[in-house]
Structure formats: C-alpha cells, structure tokens
Amino acid sequence: MKPQLHYGEDDCPVSVAYDFPNDDELHFEIEMIDFFKAKDVCDDLGVVKKVINEGLGWESPREPYEVTAWISAETGDGKLILSYMEGEPYFFTFGKSEVPKSLEMGIGMMPRGEKAVVYVTSQYLTQSPLIPVMEGLEEVHFEVQLVHFIQDWTGLKFRSIMDEAEKIRLTGNRLFKEGKFKLAKAKYEKNLLHLDVAACQLKLGECRNSIDTCNKMQTLHM
C-alpha cells in the first residue's frame, strides 16, 4: 500500500505511534476467515440483517400479510430473551405491532425459507406482545427463519381483493413473457389460475403435472 493510501495521512481517523513509518510502503498479509451477506435496513446501522441461509424466490411479506417464523432473541452479550424455535413457529400479522417494528422491517426483506440474524440497537426497539418489556436492552439480536406468509384478506372490500388478484395475475403474465416460468407459476397458483399454471408446467417440462392440473380444472368446473 502506497504511503498516500495508508495511515500516514494527516486526516486518517486511526491514530498511529509517533515513530510510525509514514513514508514507507506497507505490505499487509490477510487471511479471510469468514464473510456474510448483510443489509443495512435503516441506513444508519440501527437495524442490520445478516443472511445465514438464502431463501427461495423474490417475494417478501408486507402489510397485511400473516407470517409464521421461527424466532429467538438474545441481548448483545448473548443472554437469551425468548425462543420460538421448537413446537409451533411464531405467528403474527404485518402492520399490527405484534412484533418490534425493527424486526418487522428485517423480516420484510426476507424471502420464504431464508434464515437470518437481525441486529437491532435500542433506538429501534419498540414494545410488542413478542417483547413487552424493553427497559435495559441496549441491543437485541433476533435469529429468524421465515417459514411461510400469506395475505390476510380479512376486512378488505371485494373490490380491493379483486384489484390485488389482478395485480398478481399481471405480474404472473410479465414473468411468463420474460421466461421466468417458476416465478410465474407461483403467482398463478396464488390466484388458482389453473390453465396458466399448466402452461408454466409445460414450459418447465413437467408434462405429467401439466396434464394433472388441466384435469383438476375440468373437475372443478363440472
């Protein structure tokens, strides 16, 4: 590393010893131990999501989706606060303050099946049924595995439901035209568009499944 690029600069934020060789070229020996994919959710490192295992697809939960996830939480020094890692996964609805807002923000960037750790500082911790008492918590690490999510239609008017269904269908059509048949199939399945699902299966070489889907549609309309 050339002198003008290392610690010899006057404005370097890292302090060095008085006898530091400011004018010498430095050679650093580095061994990469580990690295991970992380996302600064709030742009100020107040909420950071570290991906442990990648999920499937591209869709993430949003309001008013119903979500099930395995969740545990520890303090910054490793003390376990809660754990929903056995028995039944934790269930909540987006936008209803049933989990801390910061955790909801992190989960809102996760596709189905992803496992991640969401690091949250005290300024972004909010009370919720998941953690009713926040006093004394400076930092919380949430380990999350997103199991499933589905849109909650409760309380929505018929017109709103139909508009949402049309958006899903149009997205499926766009993905189909782009040759993204697996993603398109997932959209069509959500709206029970059996003929479109069958077309995707045919494009994917799933001929037997395509025939079965067509037969299912005929049975439903008999």
Protein backbone atom coordinates (compact mmCIF):
# COMPACT_ATOMS: atom_id res chain seq x y z
CA MET A 1 0.00 0.00 0.00
CA LYS A 2 1.40 3.38 -1.04
CA PRO A 3 2.03 5.97 1.69
CA GLN A 4 -0.71 8.26 0.38
CA LEU A 5 -3.28 5.50 0.92
CA HIS A 6 -2.44 4.28 4.42
CA TYR A 7 -2.24 5.56 7.99
CA GLY A 8 0.37 8.19 7.23
CA GLU A 9 -2.21 10.71 6.09
CA ASP A 10 -2.87 13.63 8.44
CA ASP A 11 -6.65 13.17 8.26
CA CYS A 12 -6.55 9.40 8.92
CA PRO A 13 -9.19 8.57 11.59
CA VAL A 14 -6.94 5.82 13.06
CA SER A 15 -4.18 7.07 15.36
CA VAL A 16 -0.68 5.60 14.98
CA ALA A 17 2.52 5.71 17.03
CA TYR A 18 4.87 8.69 16.78
CA ASP A 19 7.55 6.59 15.10
CA PHE A 20 5.14 5.13 12.50
CA PRO A 21 6.86 4.89 9.08
CA ASN A 22 4.64 7.44 7.35
CA ASP A 23 6.63 7.49 4.13
CA ASP A 24 7.09 3.74 3.71
CA GLU A 25 5.10 1.37 1.54
CA LEU A 26 3.16 -1.14 3.66
CA HIS A 27 2.54 -4.82 2.85
CA PHE A 28 -0.48 -6.36 4.58
CA GLU A 29 -0.87 -10.13 4.99
CA ILE A 30 -4.57 -11.02 5.26
CA GLU A 31 -6.38 -14.33 5.77
CA MET A 32 -10.12 -14.30 5.04
CA ILE A 33 -11.76 -16.21 7.90
CA ASP A 34 -15.41 -15.65 7.06
CA PHE A 35 -17.80 -13.28 5.35
CA PHE A 36 -21.54 -12.93 5.09
CA LYS A 37 -24.22 -11.10 3.18
CA ALA A 38 -25.65 -8.23 5.21
CA LYS A 39 -28.09 -5.39 4.63
CA ASP A 40 -28.22 -2.06 6.49
CA VAL A 41 -32.01 -1.81 6.79
CA CYS A 42 -32.17 1.76 8.14
CA ASP A 43 -29.04 3.26 6.52
CA ASP A 44 -27.55 4.12 9.94
CA LEU A 45 -26.64 0.59 11.18
CA GLY A 46 -29.51 0.72 13.67
CA VAL A 47 -31.06 -2.37 12.06
CA VAL A 48 -28.79 -4.78 10.18
CA LYS A 49 -29.86 -8.10 8.62
CA LYS A 50 -27.23 -10.82 8.24
CA VAL A 51 -28.21 -13.69 5.93
CA ILE A 52 -27.32 -17.16 7.23
CA ASN A 53 -29.16 -19.32 4.68
CA GLU A 54 -30.64 -17.97 1.44
CA GLY A 55 -34.38 -18.30 0.88
CA LEU A 56 -36.44 -19.13 -2.20
CA GLY A 57 -37.97 -16.74 -4.72
CA TRP A 58 -38.07 -12.98 -4.50
CA GLU A 59 -41.35 -12.14 -2.75
CA SER A 60 -41.23 -10.91 0.86
CA PRO A 61 -44.04 -10.37 3.39
CA ARG A 62 -45.64 -6.95 3.74
CA GLU A 63 -48.76 -5.44 5.29
CA PRO A 64 -51.26 -7.07 5.82
CA TYR A 65 -49.56 -10.48 5.39
CA GLU A 66 -49.86 -13.21 8.02
CA VAL A 67 -46.42 -14.59 8.87
CA THR A 68 -45.12 -17.71 10.60
CA ALA A 69 -41.45 -17.81 11.57
CA TRP A 70 -39.05 -19.47 13.98
CA ILE A 71 -37.75 -16.63 16.18
CA SER A 72 -35.29 -16.37 19.05
CA ALA A 73 -33.73 -13.27 20.60
CA GLU A 74 -30.58 -12.57 22.60
CA THR A 75 -29.10 -9.46 24.17
CA GLY A 76 -25.88 -8.06 22.77
CA ASP A 77 -23.90 -10.03 25.39
CA GLY A 78 -25.57 -13.34 24.49
CA LYS A 79 -28.33 -13.65 27.11
CA LEU A 80 -31.39 -15.47 25.73
CA ILE A 81 -34.55 -13.35 25.96
CA LEU A 82 -37.06 -15.56 24.14
CA SER A 83 -37.21 -18.57 21.87
CA TYR A 84 -39.85 -19.85 19.48
CA MET A 85 -37.57 -22.46 17.93
CA GLU A 86 -39.49 -25.58 19.00
CA GLY A 87 -43.10 -26.69 18.93
CA GLU A 88 -45.03 -24.17 16.85
CA PRO A 89 -43.42 -21.23 14.99
CA TYR A 90 -44.40 -17.71 16.00
CA PHE A 91 -47.43 -16.27 14.17
CA PHE A 92 -48.08 -12.57 13.62
CA THR A 93 -49.68 -10.16 11.16
CA PHE A 94 -47.67 -7.41 9.49
CA GLY A 95 -48.64 -3.86 10.42
CA LYS A 96 -50.37 -4.71 13.72
CA SER A 97 -47.42 -4.05 16.08
CA GLU A 98 -47.34 -7.69 17.16
CA VAL A 99 -43.52 -7.76 16.89
CA PRO A 100 -41.00 -4.90 17.28
CA LYS A 101 -41.12 -2.62 14.23
CA SER A 102 -37.40 -3.13 13.61
CA LEU A 103 -37.85 -6.91 13.44
CA GLU A 104 -40.78 -6.45 11.08
CA MET A 105 -38.56 -4.29 8.86
CA GLY A 106 -35.91 -7.01 8.75
CA ILE A 107 -38.41 -9.81 8.04
CA GLY A 108 -39.93 -7.60 5.33
CA MET A 109 -36.68 -8.07 3.38
CA MET A 110 -36.66 -11.89 3.66
CA PRO A 111 -37.95 -14.34 1.05
CA ARG A 112 -39.67 -17.53 2.14
CA GLY A 113 -37.31 -20.02 3.80
CA GLU A 114 -34.50 -17.54 4.49
CA LYS A 115 -32.65 -17.75 7.81
CA ALA A 116 -31.09 -14.55 9.10
CA VAL A 117 -29.98 -12.62 12.16
CA VAL A 118 -31.46 -9.13 12.61
CA TYR A 119 -29.29 -6.89 14.79
CA VAL A 120 -31.27 -4.06 16.43
CA THR A 121 -29.98 -1.19 18.56
CA SER A 122 -32.02 0.34 21.39
CA GLN A 123 -33.26 3.33 19.36
CA TYR A 124 -35.19 0.95 17.09
CA LEU A 125 -36.62 -1.33 19.78
CA THR A 126 -40.37 -0.95 20.26
CA GLN A 127 -42.70 -2.73 22.68
CA SER A 128 -44.88 -5.53 21.35
CA PRO A 129 -46.52 -8.76 22.51
CA LEU A 130 -43.33 -10.57 21.45
CA ILE A 131 -41.14 -8.50 23.82
CA PRO A 132 -43.40 -6.49 26.16
CA VAL A 133 -40.54 -5.08 28.29
CA MET A 134 -37.70 -3.20 26.58
CA GLU A 135 -36.17 -1.47 29.60
CA GLY A 136 -32.43 -2.04 29.92
CA LEU A 137 -32.00 -3.54 26.46
CA GLU A 138 -29.21 -1.80 24.54
CA GLU A 139 -29.08 -4.22 21.63
CA VAL A 140 -31.05 -7.31 20.60
CA HIS A 141 -30.08 -10.00 18.10
CA PHE A 142 -33.09 -11.75 16.55
CA GLU A 143 -32.47 -15.08 14.82
CA VAL A 144 -35.28 -15.67 12.33
CA GLN A 145 -36.21 -18.38 9.88
CA LEU A 146 -39.15 -17.35 7.73
CA VAL A 147 -41.44 -20.35 7.35
CA HIS A 148 -44.47 -19.01 5.48
CA PHE A 149 -46.51 -15.91 4.74
CA ILE A 150 -49.85 -15.30 3.10
CA GLN A 151 -52.00 -12.24 2.56
CA ASP A 152 -54.74 -11.66 5.13
CA TRP A 153 -57.93 -10.74 3.24
CA THR A 154 -59.93 -10.12 6.44
CA GLY A 155 -61.59 -6.71 6.42
CA LEU A 156 -60.75 -5.96 2.80
CA LYS A 157 -63.56 -4.97 0.46
CA PHE A 158 -64.39 -7.13 -2.54
CA ARG A 159 -63.05 -4.50 -4.96
CA SER A 160 -59.73 -4.38 -3.11
CA ILE A 161 -59.44 -8.17 -3.21
CA MET A 162 -60.15 -8.25 -6.96
CA ASP A 163 -57.64 -5.45 -7.60
CA GLU A 164 -54.96 -7.34 -5.69
CA ALA A 165 -55.76 -10.56 -7.56
CA GLU A 166 -55.47 -8.72 -10.89
CA LYS A 167 -52.07 -7.32 -9.89
CA ILE A 168 -50.88 -10.86 -9.12
CA ARG A 169 -52.19 -12.14 -12.46
CA LEU A 170 -50.49 -9.35 -14.41
CA THR A 171 -47.23 -9.95 -12.58
CA GLY A 172 -47.51 -13.63 -13.49
CA ASN A 173 -48.08 -12.71 -17.14
CA ARG A 174 -45.00 -10.46 -17.15
CA LEU A 175 -42.83 -13.15 -15.59
CA PHE A 176 -44.12 -15.71 -18.10
CA LYS A 177 -43.19 -13.42 -21.03
CA GLU A 178 -39.72 -12.96 -19.51
CA GLY A 179 -39.25 -16.74 -19.44
CA LYS A 180 -39.31 -16.89 -15.61
CA PHE A 181 -41.74 -19.79 -15.55
CA LYS A 182 -41.19 -20.95 -11.95
CA LEU A 183 -41.88 -17.47 -10.60
CA ALA A 184 -44.87 -17.06 -12.90
CA LYS A 185 -46.26 -20.43 -11.77
CA ALA A 186 -46.05 -19.34 -8.13
CA LYS A 187 -48.11 -16.22 -8.95
CA TYR A 188 -50.74 -18.16 -10.88
CA GLU A 189 -51.02 -20.76 -8.11
CA LYS A 190 -51.79 -17.98 -5.64
CA ASN A 191 -54.81 -16.96 -7.76
CA LEU A 192 -55.80 -20.55 -8.63
CA LEU A 193 -55.30 -19.84 -12.35
CA HIS A 194 -55.04 -23.49 -13.33
CA LEU A 195 -54.65 -23.08 -17.09
CA ASP A 196 -51.82 -20.61 -16.60
CA VAL A 197 -50.20 -22.93 -14.07
CA ALA A 198 -50.46 -25.77 -16.59
CA ALA A 199 -48.81 -23.60 -19.27
CA CYS A 200 -45.89 -22.90 -16.92
CA GLN A 201 -45.55 -26.58 -16.07
CA LEU A 202 -45.45 -27.40 -19.77
CA LYS A 203 -42.68 -24.83 -20.35
CA LEU A 204 -40.75 -26.32 -17.43
CA GLY A 205 -41.01 -29.82 -18.92
CA GLU A 206 -43.42 -31.00 -16.23
CA CYS A 207 -45.79 -32.62 -18.72
CA ARG A 208 -47.42 -35.05 -16.29
CA ASN A 209 -48.09 -32.26 -13.80
CA SER A 210 -49.49 -30.08 -16.57
CA ILE A 211 -51.99 -32.78 -17.55
CA ASP A 212 -52.97 -33.29 -13.89
CA THR A 213 -53.56 -29.55 -13.46
CA CYS A 214 -55.81 -29.45 -16.53
CA ASN A 215 -57.74 -32.46 -15.24
CA LYS A 216 -58.16 -30.72 -11.88
CA MET A 217 -59.60 -27.68 -13.62
CA GLN A 218 -62.09 -29.82 -15.53
CA THR A 219 -63.17 -31.49 -12.27
CA LEU A 220 -63.71 -28.12 -10.59
CA HIS A 221 -65.91 -26.88 -13.45
CA MET A 222 -68.05 -30.00 -13.89
